[in-house]
Amino acid sequence: MSEKQISTIEIAEMPEGYTGKGFFATSMEKAVGLARKNSLWPLPFATSCCGIEFMATMASHYDLGRFGSERLSFSPRQSDLLMVMGTVAKKMGPVLREVYIQMAEPKWVIAVGACASSGGVFDTYSVLQGIDRIIPVDVYVPGCPPRPEQIIDGILKIQELVGNESLRRRNSQEYNDLMKKYNME
């Protein structure tokens, strides 16, 4: 790499802490949050047109790899970010739920597009009216279909949530109550 290229590379922002000559100290939560937010492994669950927009987001023009999400994982056990994109039929609901259950903690979910968020224009008996009826959702990305910039904005919102999440949140009573609400104990 040339010197010019090296100077334009963005480095992750340093968490709060104490800096001295030859050392830096911060809390474990801040260090883990920084590592997690800059190394998300998304699992794309794409069923229709939003999946095509996601492909554009991964391509060279938008390059989601700039945000630490370059490694797509098609195995639920090796991913921590479930990206549901497109229409989810009620028959597909149990499959989506099983994929979510197979993911290891900590895990986050993005509902991309109107169909994943609310059923979109398909107000029919066969279409699930929002994936939040079967799994908890952390970020909603609006649009039909959303532009790649909107998907990137959703990733940035997830990164903010991941970076600021307490290490103990997943053990809290509030989180356990949420899982019980979705019949996942």
N, C-alpha and C. Protein backbone atom coordinates (compact mmCIF):
# COMPACT_ATOMS: atom_id res chain seq x y z
N MET A 1 0.84 -1.18 0.00
CA MET A 1 0.00 0.00 0.00
C MET A 1 0.89 1.24 0.00
N SER A 2 0.42 2.23 -0.71
CA SER A 2 1.19 3.47 -0.73
C SER A 2 0.92 4.27 0.54
N GLU A 3 1.77 5.26 0.77
CA GLU A 3 1.62 6.10 1.97
C GLU A 3 0.30 6.87 1.94
N LYS A 4 -0.13 7.27 0.75
CA LYS A 4 -1.40 8.00 0.61
C LYS A 4 -2.58 7.11 0.99
N GLN A 5 -2.55 5.83 0.54
CA GLN A 5 -3.62 4.90 0.87
C GLN A 5 -3.68 4.63 2.37
N ILE A 6 -2.52 4.50 2.99
CA ILE A 6 -2.48 4.22 4.42
C ILE A 6 -3.08 5.39 5.22
N SER A 7 -2.83 6.62 4.78
CA SER A 7 -3.34 7.78 5.52
C SER A 7 -4.84 7.93 5.40
N THR A 8 -5.47 7.30 4.38
CA THR A 8 -6.92 7.42 4.22
C THR A 8 -7.69 6.29 4.88
N ILE A 9 -6.99 5.29 5.39
CA ILE A 9 -7.67 4.18 6.06
C ILE A 9 -8.23 4.68 7.39
N GLU A 10 -9.51 4.35 7.63
CA GLU A 10 -10.12 4.76 8.88
C GLU A 10 -9.85 3.71 9.94
N ILE A 11 -9.54 4.16 11.12
CA ILE A 11 -9.28 3.26 12.23
C ILE A 11 -10.43 3.40 13.20
N ALA A 12 -10.80 2.29 13.84
CA ALA A 12 -11.90 2.31 14.81
C ALA A 12 -11.62 3.34 15.90
N GLU A 13 -12.67 4.03 16.29
CA GLU A 13 -12.54 5.06 17.31
C GLU A 13 -12.20 4.43 18.66
N MET A 14 -11.27 5.01 19.35
CA MET A 14 -10.81 4.49 20.64
C MET A 14 -11.91 4.68 21.69
N PRO A 15 -12.18 3.66 22.50
CA PRO A 15 -13.19 3.82 23.55
C PRO A 15 -12.69 4.74 24.66
N GLU A 16 -13.61 5.12 25.54
CA GLU A 16 -13.23 5.94 26.70
C GLU A 16 -12.23 5.17 27.55
N GLY A 17 -11.29 5.88 28.10
CA GLY A 17 -10.31 5.22 28.94
C GLY A 17 -9.24 6.19 29.41
N TYR A 18 -8.21 5.64 29.98
CA TYR A 18 -7.09 6.43 30.50
C TYR A 18 -5.87 6.16 29.64
N THR A 19 -5.24 7.24 29.18
CA THR A 19 -4.06 7.12 28.34
C THR A 19 -2.86 7.70 29.09
N GLY A 20 -1.79 7.02 29.02
CA GLY A 20 -0.55 7.49 29.62
C GLY A 20 0.60 7.17 28.69
N LYS A 21 1.78 7.41 29.13
CA LYS A 21 2.94 7.15 28.29
C LYS A 21 3.15 5.63 28.20
N GLY A 22 2.85 5.11 27.04
CA GLY A 22 3.06 3.69 26.80
C GLY A 22 1.93 2.78 27.25
N PHE A 23 0.77 3.32 27.65
CA PHE A 23 -0.32 2.43 28.03
C PHE A 23 -1.68 3.08 27.74
N PHE A 24 -2.69 2.22 27.66
CA PHE A 24 -4.07 2.65 27.53
C PHE A 24 -4.91 1.69 28.34
N ALA A 25 -5.79 2.18 29.17
CA ALA A 25 -6.65 1.33 30.00
C ALA A 25 -8.10 1.73 29.78
N THR A 26 -8.96 0.74 29.65
CA THR A 26 -10.40 0.97 29.50
C THR A 26 -11.13 -0.19 30.16
N SER A 27 -12.44 -0.12 30.18
CA SER A 27 -13.22 -1.21 30.79
C SER A 27 -13.34 -2.39 29.83
N MET A 28 -13.58 -3.55 30.37
CA MET A 28 -13.76 -4.76 29.58
C MET A 28 -14.94 -4.60 28.63
N GLU A 29 -16.04 -3.99 29.12
CA GLU A 29 -17.23 -3.79 28.29
C GLU A 29 -16.92 -2.95 27.07
N LYS A 30 -16.15 -1.89 27.23
CA LYS A 30 -15.81 -1.01 26.11
C LYS A 30 -14.95 -1.74 25.09
N ALA A 31 -13.97 -2.52 25.55
CA ALA A 31 -13.08 -3.24 24.64
C ALA A 31 -13.85 -4.32 23.87
N VAL A 32 -14.70 -5.07 24.57
CA VAL A 32 -15.49 -6.12 23.92
C VAL A 32 -16.48 -5.49 22.96
N GLY A 33 -17.13 -4.40 23.35
CA GLY A 33 -18.07 -3.70 22.48
C GLY A 33 -17.41 -3.22 21.20
N LEU A 34 -16.21 -2.67 21.31
CA LEU A 34 -15.46 -2.20 20.14
C LEU A 34 -15.15 -3.38 19.20
N ALA A 35 -14.73 -4.49 19.76
CA ALA A 35 -14.40 -5.66 18.94
C ALA A 35 -15.64 -6.23 18.27
N ARG A 36 -16.73 -6.34 19.02
CA ARG A 36 -17.96 -6.91 18.46
C ARG A 36 -18.53 -6.04 17.35
N LYS A 37 -18.58 -4.74 17.58
CA LYS A 37 -19.24 -3.86 16.61
C LYS A 37 -18.48 -3.78 15.30
N ASN A 38 -17.18 -4.01 15.33
CA ASN A 38 -16.38 -3.92 14.10
C ASN A 38 -16.08 -5.28 13.49
N SER A 39 -16.77 -6.32 13.94
CA SER A 39 -16.57 -7.64 13.35
C SER A 39 -17.87 -8.44 13.32
N LEU A 40 -18.95 -7.82 12.87
CA LEU A 40 -20.22 -8.53 12.77
C LEU A 40 -20.17 -9.53 11.62
N TRP A 41 -20.76 -10.70 11.83
CA TRP A 41 -20.85 -11.72 10.79
C TRP A 41 -22.33 -11.89 10.43
N PRO A 42 -22.78 -11.22 9.37
CA PRO A 42 -24.20 -11.29 9.00
C PRO A 42 -24.59 -12.60 8.34
N LEU A 43 -25.80 -13.03 8.63
CA LEU A 43 -26.42 -14.16 7.94
C LEU A 43 -27.57 -13.57 7.14
N PRO A 44 -27.45 -13.47 5.81
CA PRO A 44 -28.54 -12.91 5.02
C PRO A 44 -29.65 -13.95 4.82
N PHE A 45 -30.86 -13.59 5.22
CA PHE A 45 -32.04 -14.43 5.01
C PHE A 45 -32.90 -13.66 4.01
N ALA A 46 -32.55 -13.79 2.74
CA ALA A 46 -33.19 -12.99 1.69
C ALA A 46 -34.20 -13.83 0.92
N THR A 47 -35.42 -13.32 0.81
CA THR A 47 -36.46 -14.06 0.12
C THR A 47 -36.98 -13.36 -1.13
N SER A 48 -36.70 -12.09 -1.32
CA SER A 48 -37.21 -11.40 -2.51
C SER A 48 -36.38 -10.17 -2.85
N CYS A 49 -37.01 -9.12 -3.35
CA CYS A 49 -36.31 -7.98 -3.94
C CYS A 49 -35.36 -7.28 -2.98
N CYS A 50 -35.60 -7.28 -1.69
CA CYS A 50 -34.67 -6.66 -0.74
C CYS A 50 -33.33 -7.37 -0.75
N GLY A 51 -33.34 -8.65 -1.07
CA GLY A 51 -32.10 -9.40 -1.18
C GLY A 51 -31.23 -8.89 -2.32
N ILE A 52 -31.85 -8.44 -3.40
CA ILE A 52 -31.10 -7.88 -4.53
C ILE A 52 -30.44 -6.58 -4.11
N GLU A 53 -31.15 -5.76 -3.35
CA GLU A 53 -30.56 -4.51 -2.85
C GLU A 53 -29.40 -4.81 -1.90
N PHE A 54 -29.53 -5.88 -1.12
CA PHE A 54 -28.43 -6.26 -0.24
C PHE A 54 -27.21 -6.67 -1.05
N MET A 55 -27.44 -7.37 -2.17
CA MET A 55 -26.32 -7.74 -3.04
C MET A 55 -25.60 -6.50 -3.55
N ALA A 56 -26.36 -5.47 -3.88
CA ALA A 56 -25.75 -4.21 -4.32
C ALA A 56 -24.95 -3.58 -3.18
N THR A 57 -25.46 -3.72 -1.96
CA THR A 57 -24.76 -3.17 -0.79
C THR A 57 -23.43 -3.87 -0.57
N MET A 58 -23.36 -5.15 -0.87
CA MET A 58 -22.12 -5.91 -0.70
C MET A 58 -21.14 -5.69 -1.85
N ALA A 59 -21.62 -5.17 -2.98
CA ALA A 59 -20.76 -4.98 -4.15
C ALA A 59 -19.77 -3.84 -3.93
N SER A 60 -18.88 -3.68 -4.88
CA SER A 60 -17.77 -2.74 -4.72
C SER A 60 -18.19 -1.28 -4.58
N HIS A 61 -19.30 -0.88 -5.16
CA HIS A 61 -19.69 0.53 -5.10
C HIS A 61 -20.04 0.97 -3.67
N TYR A 62 -20.73 0.11 -2.91
CA TYR A 62 -21.11 0.45 -1.54
C TYR A 62 -20.20 -0.22 -0.51
N ASP A 63 -19.80 -1.45 -0.77
CA ASP A 63 -18.78 -2.16 0.00
C ASP A 63 -19.04 -2.19 1.51
N LEU A 64 -19.90 -3.10 1.91
CA LEU A 64 -20.23 -3.25 3.33
C LEU A 64 -19.03 -3.70 4.15
N GLY A 65 -18.01 -4.22 3.49
CA GLY A 65 -16.79 -4.64 4.17
C GLY A 65 -16.09 -3.49 4.90
N ARG A 66 -16.36 -2.26 4.50
CA ARG A 66 -15.77 -1.10 5.18
C ARG A 66 -16.21 -1.01 6.63
N PHE A 67 -17.32 -1.64 6.95
CA PHE A 67 -17.89 -1.54 8.29
C PHE A 67 -17.66 -2.81 9.11
N GLY A 68 -16.79 -3.68 8.65
CA GLY A 68 -16.46 -4.89 9.39
C GLY A 68 -17.46 -6.01 9.21
N SER A 69 -18.31 -5.92 8.19
CA SER A 69 -19.34 -6.95 7.96
C SER A 69 -19.12 -7.67 6.63
N GLU A 70 -17.88 -7.83 6.26
CA GLU A 70 -17.59 -8.39 4.95
C GLU A 70 -17.79 -9.90 4.89
N ARG A 71 -17.55 -10.56 5.99
CA ARG A 71 -17.65 -12.02 5.98
C ARG A 71 -19.09 -12.45 6.21
N LEU A 72 -19.77 -12.81 5.13
CA LEU A 72 -21.12 -13.34 5.27
C LEU A 72 -21.03 -14.77 5.76
N SER A 73 -21.93 -15.14 6.62
CA SER A 73 -21.96 -16.49 7.13
C SER A 73 -23.31 -17.09 6.79
N PHE A 74 -23.30 -18.24 6.17
CA PHE A 74 -24.55 -18.90 5.84
C PHE A 74 -24.82 -20.06 6.78
N SER A 75 -24.15 -20.00 7.92
CA SER A 75 -24.37 -20.97 8.99
C SER A 75 -24.83 -20.20 10.23
N PRO A 76 -26.01 -20.51 10.75
CA PRO A 76 -26.50 -19.76 11.92
C PRO A 76 -25.57 -19.84 13.13
N ARG A 77 -24.86 -20.94 13.27
CA ARG A 77 -24.01 -21.12 14.44
C ARG A 77 -22.73 -20.28 14.37
N GLN A 78 -22.43 -19.73 13.19
CA GLN A 78 -21.22 -18.92 13.04
C GLN A 78 -21.54 -17.46 12.73
N SER A 79 -22.76 -17.03 12.94
CA SER A 79 -23.12 -15.64 12.65
C SER A 79 -23.73 -15.01 13.90
N ASP A 80 -23.67 -13.69 13.94
CA ASP A 80 -24.26 -12.99 15.08
C ASP A 80 -25.25 -11.91 14.67
N LEU A 81 -25.46 -11.72 13.37
CA LEU A 81 -26.40 -10.73 12.87
C LEU A 81 -27.29 -11.38 11.83
N LEU A 82 -28.56 -11.51 12.13
CA LEU A 82 -29.53 -12.07 11.19
C LEU A 82 -30.17 -10.92 10.43
N MET A 83 -30.00 -10.91 9.12
CA MET A 83 -30.59 -9.87 8.28
C MET A 83 -31.73 -10.50 7.48
N VAL A 84 -32.98 -10.21 7.88
CA VAL A 84 -34.13 -10.76 7.20
C VAL A 84 -34.58 -9.74 6.16
N MET A 85 -34.55 -10.16 4.89
CA MET A 85 -34.83 -9.25 3.79
C MET A 85 -35.91 -9.84 2.90
N GLY A 86 -37.04 -9.16 2.81
CA GLY A 86 -38.08 -9.58 1.89
C GLY A 86 -39.28 -10.21 2.57
N THR A 87 -40.17 -10.68 1.74
CA THR A 87 -41.42 -11.28 2.19
C THR A 87 -41.17 -12.61 2.89
N VAL A 88 -41.78 -12.79 4.04
CA VAL A 88 -41.68 -14.05 4.76
C VAL A 88 -43.08 -14.66 4.82
N ALA A 89 -43.26 -15.77 4.14
CA ALA A 89 -44.54 -16.46 4.16
C ALA A 89 -44.72 -17.13 5.53
N LYS A 90 -45.96 -17.33 5.92
CA LYS A 90 -46.21 -17.96 7.22
C LYS A 90 -45.61 -19.36 7.29
N LYS A 91 -45.54 -20.06 6.16
CA LYS A 91 -44.91 -21.37 6.14
C LYS A 91 -43.42 -21.28 6.41
N MET A 92 -42.81 -20.14 6.07
CA MET A 92 -41.38 -19.95 6.28
C MET A 92 -41.09 -19.49 7.71
N GLY A 93 -42.10 -19.03 8.43
CA GLY A 93 -41.93 -18.53 9.80
C GLY A 93 -41.21 -19.50 10.72
N PRO A 94 -41.63 -20.77 10.81
CA PRO A 94 -40.93 -21.71 11.69
C PRO A 94 -39.47 -21.93 11.30
N VAL A 95 -39.16 -21.86 10.01
CA VAL A 95 -37.77 -22.02 9.55
C VAL A 95 -36.95 -20.82 10.03
N LEU A 96 -37.49 -19.61 9.87
CA LEU A 96 -36.79 -18.40 10.31
C LEU A 96 -36.56 -18.44 11.82
N ARG A 97 -37.57 -18.86 12.54
CA ARG A 97 -37.44 -18.96 14.01
C ARG A 97 -36.36 -19.96 14.40
N GLU A 98 -36.30 -21.09 13.70
CA GLU A 98 -35.29 -22.12 13.98
C GLU A 98 -33.89 -21.59 13.69
N VAL A 99 -33.74 -20.83 12.61
CA VAL A 99 -32.45 -20.23 12.29
C VAL A 99 -32.04 -19.29 13.42
N TYR A 100 -32.97 -18.48 13.91
CA TYR A 100 -32.68 -17.56 15.00
C TYR A 100 -32.26 -18.31 16.27
N ILE A 101 -32.97 -19.38 16.60
CA ILE A 101 -32.67 -20.16 17.80
C ILE A 101 -31.29 -20.81 17.69
N GLN A 102 -30.88 -21.22 16.48
CA GLN A 102 -29.58 -21.87 16.29
C GLN A 102 -28.41 -20.91 16.42
N MET A 103 -28.66 -19.61 16.31
CA MET A 103 -27.57 -18.64 16.42
C MET A 103 -27.09 -18.57 17.87
N ALA A 104 -25.79 -18.43 18.04
CA ALA A 104 -25.21 -18.33 19.37
C ALA A 104 -25.39 -16.91 19.91
N GLU A 105 -25.44 -16.78 21.22
CA GLU A 105 -25.51 -15.46 21.85
C GLU A 105 -24.14 -14.83 21.82
N PRO A 106 -24.00 -13.56 21.74
CA PRO A 106 -25.05 -12.57 21.52
C PRO A 106 -25.42 -12.52 20.04
N LYS A 107 -26.67 -12.19 19.77
CA LYS A 107 -27.16 -12.13 18.39
C LYS A 107 -28.09 -10.94 18.23
N TRP A 108 -28.11 -10.41 17.02
CA TRP A 108 -28.93 -9.25 16.72
C TRP A 108 -29.68 -9.51 15.43
N VAL A 109 -30.80 -8.77 15.22
CA VAL A 109 -31.64 -8.96 14.04
C VAL A 109 -31.96 -7.62 13.40
N ILE A 110 -31.86 -7.58 12.06
CA ILE A 110 -32.30 -6.42 11.28
C ILE A 110 -33.42 -6.89 10.37
N ALA A 111 -34.55 -6.19 10.38
CA ALA A 111 -35.65 -6.42 9.44
C ALA A 111 -35.48 -5.41 8.32
N VAL A 112 -35.12 -5.89 7.14
CA VAL A 112 -34.84 -5.03 6.00
C VAL A 112 -36.04 -4.98 5.07
N GLY A 113 -36.59 -3.78 4.88
CA GLY A 113 -37.70 -3.59 3.95
C GLY A 113 -39.06 -3.69 4.61
N ALA A 114 -40.04 -3.22 3.86
CA ALA A 114 -41.41 -3.17 4.37
C ALA A 114 -41.99 -4.56 4.65
N CYS A 115 -41.65 -5.53 3.81
CA CYS A 115 -42.23 -6.88 3.98
C CYS A 115 -41.75 -7.55 5.27
N ALA A 116 -40.46 -7.48 5.54
CA ALA A 116 -39.94 -8.08 6.77
C ALA A 116 -40.41 -7.31 8.00
N SER A 117 -40.60 -6.00 7.85
CA SER A 117 -41.00 -5.18 8.99
C SER A 117 -42.48 -5.29 9.29
N SER A 118 -43.32 -5.32 8.24
CA SER A 118 -44.77 -5.26 8.49
C SER A 118 -45.62 -6.04 7.49
N GLY A 119 -45.02 -6.84 6.65
CA GLY A 119 -45.78 -7.56 5.63
C GLY A 119 -45.89 -6.79 4.33
N GLY A 120 -45.52 -5.53 4.34
CA GLY A 120 -45.53 -4.70 3.13
C GLY A 120 -46.91 -4.58 2.51
N VAL A 121 -46.95 -4.65 1.21
CA VAL A 121 -48.22 -4.52 0.48
C VAL A 121 -48.99 -5.83 0.48
N PHE A 122 -48.40 -6.88 1.02
CA PHE A 122 -49.02 -8.20 0.98
C PHE A 122 -49.81 -8.47 2.26
N ASP A 123 -50.96 -7.85 2.38
CA ASP A 123 -51.83 -8.05 3.54
C ASP A 123 -52.74 -9.24 3.24
N THR A 124 -52.14 -10.44 3.21
CA THR A 124 -52.88 -11.65 2.87
C THR A 124 -52.74 -12.70 3.96
N TYR A 125 -53.51 -13.75 3.84
CA TYR A 125 -53.49 -14.82 4.85
C TYR A 125 -52.17 -15.57 4.88
N SER A 126 -51.41 -15.54 3.79
CA SER A 126 -50.22 -16.38 3.70
C SER A 126 -48.92 -15.66 4.06
N VAL A 127 -48.96 -14.32 4.24
CA VAL A 127 -47.74 -13.56 4.49
C VAL A 127 -47.68 -13.13 5.95
N LEU A 128 -46.55 -13.39 6.57
CA LEU A 128 -46.32 -12.98 7.96
C LEU A 128 -46.27 -11.45 8.01
N GLN A 129 -47.06 -10.85 8.87
CA GLN A 129 -47.16 -9.39 8.95
C GLN A 129 -46.11 -8.82 9.90
N GLY A 130 -44.88 -9.07 9.55
CA GLY A 130 -43.75 -8.59 10.36
C GLY A 130 -43.08 -9.74 11.09
N ILE A 131 -41.75 -9.80 10.98
CA ILE A 131 -41.03 -10.91 11.61
C ILE A 131 -40.97 -10.76 13.12
N ASP A 132 -41.31 -9.56 13.63
CA ASP A 132 -41.29 -9.37 15.09
C ASP A 132 -42.42 -10.13 15.77
N ARG A 133 -43.25 -10.81 15.01
CA ARG A 133 -44.27 -11.67 15.61
C ARG A 133 -43.68 -13.00 16.05
N ILE A 134 -42.51 -13.36 15.49
CA ILE A 134 -41.92 -14.66 15.84
C ILE A 134 -40.51 -14.56 16.42
N ILE A 135 -39.77 -13.49 16.11
CA ILE A 135 -38.43 -13.28 16.68
C ILE A 135 -38.26 -11.80 17.03
N PRO A 136 -37.46 -11.50 18.05
CA PRO A 136 -37.23 -10.09 18.40
C PRO A 136 -36.37 -9.39 17.34
N VAL A 137 -36.71 -8.13 17.05
CA VAL A 137 -35.99 -7.35 16.05
C VAL A 137 -35.31 -6.17 16.74
N ASP A 138 -34.05 -5.91 16.38
CA ASP A 138 -33.30 -4.80 16.96
C ASP A 138 -33.39 -3.53 16.13
N VAL A 139 -33.32 -3.66 14.80
CA VAL A 139 -33.35 -2.49 13.91
C VAL A 139 -34.26 -2.78 12.73
N TYR A 140 -35.07 -1.79 12.37
CA TYR A 140 -35.94 -1.87 11.20
C TYR A 140 -35.38 -0.94 10.13
N VAL A 141 -35.25 -1.44 8.90
CA VAL A 141 -34.81 -0.62 7.77
C VAL A 141 -36.02 -0.43 6.87
N PRO A 142 -36.52 0.81 6.73
CA PRO A 142 -37.71 1.04 5.92
C PRO A 142 -37.40 1.03 4.42
N GLY A 143 -38.44 0.89 3.63
CA GLY A 143 -38.29 0.98 2.18
C GLY A 143 -38.86 -0.22 1.47
N CYS A 144 -39.18 -0.02 0.20
CA CYS A 144 -39.75 -1.10 -0.61
C CYS A 144 -39.23 -0.99 -2.03
N PRO A 145 -38.11 -1.57 -2.33
CA PRO A 145 -37.07 -2.05 -1.43
C PRO A 145 -36.20 -0.89 -0.95
N PRO A 146 -35.52 -1.06 0.16
CA PRO A 146 -34.65 0.01 0.65
C PRO A 146 -33.40 0.14 -0.22
N ARG A 147 -32.92 1.34 -0.35
CA ARG A 147 -31.68 1.58 -1.10
C ARG A 147 -30.49 1.05 -0.30
N PRO A 148 -29.39 0.77 -0.97
CA PRO A 148 -28.20 0.30 -0.25
C PRO A 148 -27.76 1.25 0.87
N GLU A 149 -27.95 2.56 0.66
CA GLU A 149 -27.59 3.52 1.71
C GLU A 149 -28.42 3.30 2.98
N GLN A 150 -29.68 2.92 2.81
CA GLN A 150 -30.52 2.65 3.97
C GLN A 150 -30.08 1.38 4.69
N ILE A 151 -29.66 0.38 3.93
CA ILE A 151 -29.17 -0.86 4.56
C ILE A 151 -27.89 -0.57 5.34
N ILE A 152 -27.01 0.25 4.76
CA ILE A 152 -25.78 0.64 5.46
C ILE A 152 -26.13 1.40 6.73
N ASP A 153 -27.14 2.28 6.67
CA ASP A 153 -27.58 3.00 7.87
C ASP A 153 -28.07 2.03 8.94
N GLY A 154 -28.78 0.98 8.53
CA GLY A 154 -29.22 -0.05 9.48
C GLY A 154 -28.05 -0.77 10.13
N ILE A 155 -27.02 -1.07 9.34
CA ILE A 155 -25.81 -1.72 9.87
C ILE A 155 -25.13 -0.79 10.87
N LEU A 156 -25.07 0.51 10.56
CA LEU A 156 -24.44 1.46 11.48
C LEU A 156 -25.23 1.57 12.78
N LYS A 157 -26.55 1.48 12.70
CA LYS A 157 -27.38 1.52 13.92
C LYS A 157 -27.15 0.26 14.76
N ILE A 158 -27.02 -0.88 14.10
CA ILE A 158 -26.71 -2.12 14.82
C ILE A 158 -25.34 -2.02 15.47
N GLN A 159 -24.36 -1.46 14.75
CA GLN A 159 -23.03 -1.30 15.32
C GLN A 159 -23.07 -0.42 16.56
N GLU A 160 -23.85 0.64 16.51
CA GLU A 160 -23.98 1.52 17.68
C GLU A 160 -24.59 0.76 18.86
N LEU A 161 -25.62 -0.02 18.58
CA LEU A 161 -26.27 -0.82 19.63
C LEU A 161 -25.29 -1.85 20.21
N VAL A 162 -24.56 -2.54 19.32
CA VAL A 162 -23.62 -3.58 19.76
C VAL A 162 -22.48 -2.96 20.57
N GLY A 163 -21.96 -1.82 20.13
CA GLY A 163 -20.85 -1.18 20.82
C GLY A 163 -21.20 -0.68 22.20
N ASN A 164 -22.47 -0.33 22.41
CA ASN A 164 -22.90 0.22 23.70
C ASN A 164 -23.61 -0.79 24.59
N GLU A 165 -23.78 -2.03 24.11
CA GLU A 165 -24.50 -3.03 24.88
C GLU A 165 -23.67 -3.53 26.05
N SER A 166 -24.31 -3.64 27.19
CA SER A 166 -23.66 -4.16 28.38
C SER A 166 -23.40 -5.66 28.22
N LEU A 167 -22.29 -6.12 28.77
CA LEU A 167 -22.00 -7.55 28.72
C LEU A 167 -23.02 -8.35 29.52
N ARG A 168 -23.67 -7.71 30.46
CA ARG A 168 -24.62 -8.39 31.34
C ARG A 168 -26.06 -8.31 30.83
N ARG A 169 -26.30 -7.59 29.73
CA ARG A 169 -27.67 -7.41 29.24
C ARG A 169 -28.35 -8.74 28.95
N ARG A 170 -27.63 -9.67 28.38
CA ARG A 170 -28.23 -10.96 28.00
C ARG A 170 -28.60 -11.81 29.21
N ASN A 171 -28.09 -11.45 30.38
CA ASN A 171 -28.43 -12.17 31.61
C ASN A 171 -29.46 -11.42 32.44
N SER A 172 -29.94 -10.29 31.96
CA SER A 172 -30.86 -9.47 32.74
C SER A 172 -32.27 -10.08 32.74
N GLN A 173 -33.04 -9.68 33.73
CA GLN A 173 -34.42 -10.14 33.83
C GLN A 173 -35.24 -9.64 32.65
N GLU A 174 -34.98 -8.41 32.22
CA GLU A 174 -35.70 -7.82 31.08
C GLU A 174 -35.49 -8.65 29.81
N TYR A 175 -34.26 -9.08 29.57
CA TYR A 175 -33.96 -9.90 28.39
C TYR A 175 -34.61 -11.27 28.51
N ASN A 176 -34.56 -11.86 29.69
CA ASN A 176 -35.20 -13.16 29.90
C ASN A 176 -36.71 -13.07 29.70
N ASP A 177 -37.32 -11.96 30.15
CA ASP A 177 -38.76 -11.76 29.94
C ASP A 177 -39.08 -11.63 28.45
N LEU A 178 -38.21 -10.95 27.70
CA LEU A 178 -38.41 -10.81 26.26
C LEU A 178 -38.36 -12.18 25.59
N MET A 179 -37.40 -13.01 25.97
CA MET A 179 -37.30 -14.35 25.38
C MET A 179 -38.51 -15.20 25.74
N LYS A 180 -39.01 -15.05 26.96
CA LYS A 180 -40.21 -15.79 27.36
C LYS A 180 -41.42 -15.36 26.54
N LYS A 181 -41.47 -14.07 26.21
CA LYS A 181 -42.57 -13.53 25.38
C LYS A 181 -42.60 -14.22 24.02
N TYR A 182 -41.41 -14.55 23.51
CA TYR A 182 -41.31 -15.24 22.21
C TYR A 182 -41.24 -16.75 22.37
N ASN A 183 -41.51 -17.26 23.57
CA ASN A 183 -41.46 -18.69 23.89
C ASN A 183 -40.08 -19.30 23.58
N MET A 184 -39.05 -18.54 23.93
CA MET A 184 -37.66 -19.02 23.77
C MET A 184 -37.00 -18.92 25.13
N GLU A 185 -36.90 -20.01 25.83
CA GLU A 185 -36.32 -19.98 27.18
C GLU A 185 -35.05 -20.74 27.25
